Amino acid sequence: MEQVMTDNIRPRPMLRWLWLAVLVIAVDLGTKAMATAWLTYGQPVPVMPMFNLTLLHNTGAAFSFLAGADGWQRWFFVILALGVSGVLVRWLSTLRQHETWMAIAIVLILGGALGNVYDRIVHGYVVDFLHLHAGGYHFPAFNIADSAITIGAVMMIIDMFRNTSSHNDDGDAA
């Protein structure tokens, strides 16, 4: 009985990485506030040959998915992101001490998701301002939160291949 109680209250060491999610949120919201204060909506400000700062408002999801919907998508994406965030925190709490790479991936996604949730709740849209373009092609504008989500997702994919490779090298999986 005592062992069961000890397992339920033991510290979750990987939760210590939540500071990184807080940092992502702070940098994201800070840069969005600066972009909103300093940029004129829809007017590109060239920074480098293939990079502009362009203030845009995205009522949809990634790449403006569902941006043209009647408004229901705002709360749908808020609820979805909060649900996924709960799952991510739970997953983070189950990681072992040596799973640092995955912990960082999870908190990057978590911080990005919560940064964009803040925008959806407060503004009704996500503030985007980073704008890449080349040869007449324009990549959809994005923000720091989107970047953190993307980096975290790529890290998860890399981790998946690293783990698959190590199992095959050990002869554990065929």
Protein backbone atom coordinates (compact mmCIF):
# COMPACT_ATOMS: atom_id res chain seq x y z
CA MET A 1 0.00 0.00 0.00
CA GLU A 2 2.79 2.38 0.87
CA GLN A 3 4.52 1.75 -2.50
CA VAL A 4 1.37 2.72 -4.43
CA MET A 5 1.07 6.02 -2.53
CA THR A 6 4.76 6.78 -3.14
CA ASP A 7 4.34 6.22 -6.89
CA ASN A 8 1.37 8.60 -7.01
CA ILE A 9 3.22 11.46 -5.32
CA ARG A 10 6.71 11.02 -6.74
CA PRO A 11 8.02 14.11 -8.52
CA ARG A 12 7.72 14.26 -12.30
CA PRO A 13 11.24 15.36 -13.30
CA MET A 14 10.42 16.27 -16.89
CA LEU A 15 7.86 18.86 -15.81
CA ARG A 16 10.88 21.03 -15.04
CA TRP A 17 10.96 21.78 -18.81
CA LEU A 18 7.71 23.76 -18.57
CA TRP A 19 9.83 26.91 -18.15
CA LEU A 20 10.64 26.59 -21.86
CA ALA A 21 6.94 26.65 -22.76
CA VAL A 22 6.55 29.81 -20.65
CA LEU A 23 9.52 31.37 -22.47
CA VAL A 24 8.01 30.51 -25.88
CA ILE A 25 4.70 32.10 -24.81
CA ALA A 26 6.44 35.25 -23.54
CA VAL A 27 8.59 35.71 -26.65
CA ASP A 28 5.64 34.94 -28.92
CA LEU A 29 3.25 37.38 -27.26
CA GLY A 30 5.96 40.04 -26.97
CA THR A 31 6.87 39.87 -30.64
CA LYS A 32 3.20 39.86 -31.65
CA ALA A 33 2.62 42.99 -29.54
CA MET A 34 5.62 44.71 -31.16
CA ALA A 35 4.46 43.72 -34.65
CA THR A 36 0.98 45.05 -33.91
CA ALA A 37 2.37 48.33 -32.55
CA TRP A 38 5.01 48.94 -35.22
CA LEU A 39 3.62 47.48 -38.46
CA THR A 40 0.76 48.61 -40.66
CA TYR A 41 -1.67 45.81 -41.45
CA GLY A 42 -0.89 44.11 -44.76
CA GLN A 43 2.07 46.36 -45.61
CA PRO A 44 5.29 44.37 -46.10
CA VAL A 45 8.46 45.74 -44.52
CA PRO A 46 11.48 44.20 -46.31
CA VAL A 47 14.14 42.89 -43.94
CA MET A 48 16.17 40.69 -46.28
CA PRO A 49 15.76 39.73 -49.96
CA MET A 50 13.42 36.82 -49.16
CA PHE A 51 12.04 37.95 -45.80
CA ASN A 52 9.50 40.61 -44.87
CA LEU A 53 7.68 41.60 -41.74
CA THR A 54 3.99 41.72 -42.71
CA LEU A 55 1.26 42.09 -40.09
CA LEU A 56 -1.67 39.78 -40.83
CA HIS A 57 -4.56 38.35 -38.80
CA ASN A 58 -5.38 34.67 -39.21
CA THR A 59 -8.83 33.54 -38.05
CA GLY A 60 -8.14 30.00 -39.27
CA ALA A 61 -5.55 27.40 -38.40
CA ALA A 62 -2.21 26.71 -40.08
CA PHE A 63 -2.03 28.17 -43.59
CA SER A 64 -5.37 29.94 -42.94
CA PHE A 65 -7.29 26.65 -42.92
CA LEU A 66 -10.97 27.48 -42.21
CA ALA A 67 -10.22 31.22 -42.11
CA GLY A 68 -13.32 31.88 -44.20
CA ALA A 69 -15.69 30.05 -41.84
CA ASP A 70 -18.44 31.93 -39.99
CA GLY A 71 -16.60 32.32 -36.68
CA TRP A 72 -17.25 28.94 -35.08
CA GLN A 73 -13.65 27.96 -35.84
CA ARG A 74 -12.33 30.41 -33.22
CA TRP A 75 -13.73 28.43 -30.29
CA PHE A 76 -13.20 25.09 -32.00
CA PHE A 77 -9.46 25.82 -32.28
CA VAL A 78 -9.33 27.15 -28.70
CA ILE A 79 -10.94 23.98 -27.31
CA LEU A 80 -8.81 21.75 -29.54
CA ALA A 81 -5.57 23.48 -28.52
CA LEU A 82 -6.44 23.38 -24.83
CA GLY A 83 -7.29 19.68 -25.08
CA VAL A 84 -4.05 18.91 -26.91
CA SER A 85 -2.15 20.99 -24.34
CA GLY A 86 -3.58 18.87 -21.54
CA VAL A 87 -2.50 15.72 -23.35
CA LEU A 88 0.99 17.18 -23.88
CA VAL A 89 1.42 18.04 -20.19
CA ARG A 90 0.29 14.54 -19.23
CA TRP A 91 2.71 13.01 -21.76
CA LEU A 92 5.51 15.22 -20.45
CA SER A 93 4.84 14.01 -16.91
CA THR A 94 5.28 10.38 -17.98
CA LEU A 95 8.67 10.82 -19.66
CA ARG A 96 11.74 9.28 -18.12
CA GLN A 97 14.76 11.30 -17.05
CA HIS A 98 16.77 10.45 -20.20
CA GLU A 99 14.01 11.56 -22.62
CA THR A 100 15.12 15.19 -22.71
CA TRP A 101 14.83 15.56 -26.50
CA MET A 102 11.16 14.54 -26.40
CA ALA A 103 10.50 16.76 -23.38
CA ILE A 104 11.84 19.77 -25.27
CA ALA A 105 9.78 18.87 -28.36
CA ILE A 106 6.62 18.62 -26.25
CA VAL A 107 7.11 21.94 -24.45
CA LEU A 108 7.89 23.77 -27.70
CA ILE A 109 4.57 22.56 -29.13
CA LEU A 110 2.81 23.36 -25.86
CA GLY A 111 4.20 26.90 -25.67
CA GLY A 112 3.33 27.58 -29.31
CA ALA A 113 -0.18 26.22 -28.95
CA LEU A 114 -0.87 28.31 -25.85
CA GLY A 115 0.59 31.45 -27.44
CA ASN A 116 -1.84 31.12 -30.32
CA VAL A 117 -4.72 30.23 -27.97
CA TYR A 118 -4.16 33.52 -26.16
CA ASP A 119 -4.54 35.39 -29.46
CA ARG A 120 -7.71 33.51 -30.39
CA ILE A 121 -9.34 34.19 -27.03
CA VAL A 122 -8.30 37.85 -26.73
CA HIS A 123 -8.36 39.00 -30.38
CA GLY A 124 -10.44 36.42 -32.21
CA TYR A 125 -7.51 35.79 -34.58
CA VAL A 126 -3.83 34.88 -34.47
CA VAL A 127 -1.30 37.64 -35.16
CA ASP A 128 1.13 36.61 -37.90
CA PHE A 129 4.02 38.77 -39.10
CA LEU A 130 6.95 36.66 -40.36
CA HIS A 131 6.72 36.42 -44.13
CA LEU A 132 9.06 34.40 -46.38
CA HIS A 133 8.97 34.65 -50.16
CA ALA A 134 11.06 33.67 -53.18
CA GLY A 135 10.60 33.85 -56.93
CA GLY A 136 7.04 35.14 -56.70
CA TYR A 137 6.00 32.42 -54.24
CA HIS A 138 4.87 33.63 -50.82
CA PHE A 139 4.88 31.25 -47.86
CA PRO A 140 1.93 31.99 -45.55
CA ALA A 141 2.83 34.45 -42.79
CA PHE A 142 3.54 32.91 -39.41
CA ASN A 143 4.76 33.81 -35.91
CA ILE A 144 7.06 32.60 -33.13
CA ALA A 145 4.39 30.22 -31.78
CA ASP A 146 4.03 28.59 -35.20
CA SER A 147 7.82 28.26 -35.40
CA ALA A 148 7.99 26.59 -31.98
CA ILE A 149 5.22 24.16 -32.94
CA THR A 150 7.02 23.29 -36.18
CA ILE A 151 10.39 22.82 -34.49
CA GLY A 152 8.79 20.65 -31.80
CA ALA A 153 6.99 18.51 -34.40
CA VAL A 154 10.21 18.03 -36.40
CA MET A 155 12.00 17.03 -33.20
CA MET A 156 9.29 14.44 -32.52
CA ILE A 157 9.67 13.00 -36.00
CA ILE A 158 13.45 12.85 -35.61
CA ASP A 159 13.00 11.15 -32.24
CA MET A 160 10.67 8.60 -33.80
CA PHE A 161 13.32 7.70 -36.41
CA ARG A 162 16.10 7.69 -33.82
CA ASN A 163 14.14 5.30 -31.61
CA THR A 164 13.20 3.05 -34.54
CA SER A 165 16.82 2.94 -35.62
CA SER A 166 18.12 2.11 -32.14
CA HIS A 167 15.57 -0.72 -31.75
CA ASN A 168 16.61 -2.19 -35.09
CA ASP A 169 20.32 -1.92 -34.18
CA ASP A 170 19.73 -3.77 -30.92
CA GLY A 171 17.84 -6.56 -32.65
CA ASP A 172 14.72 -5.76 -30.59
CA ALA A 173 12.55 -5.12 -33.63
CA ALA A 174 12.65 -6.44 -37.16
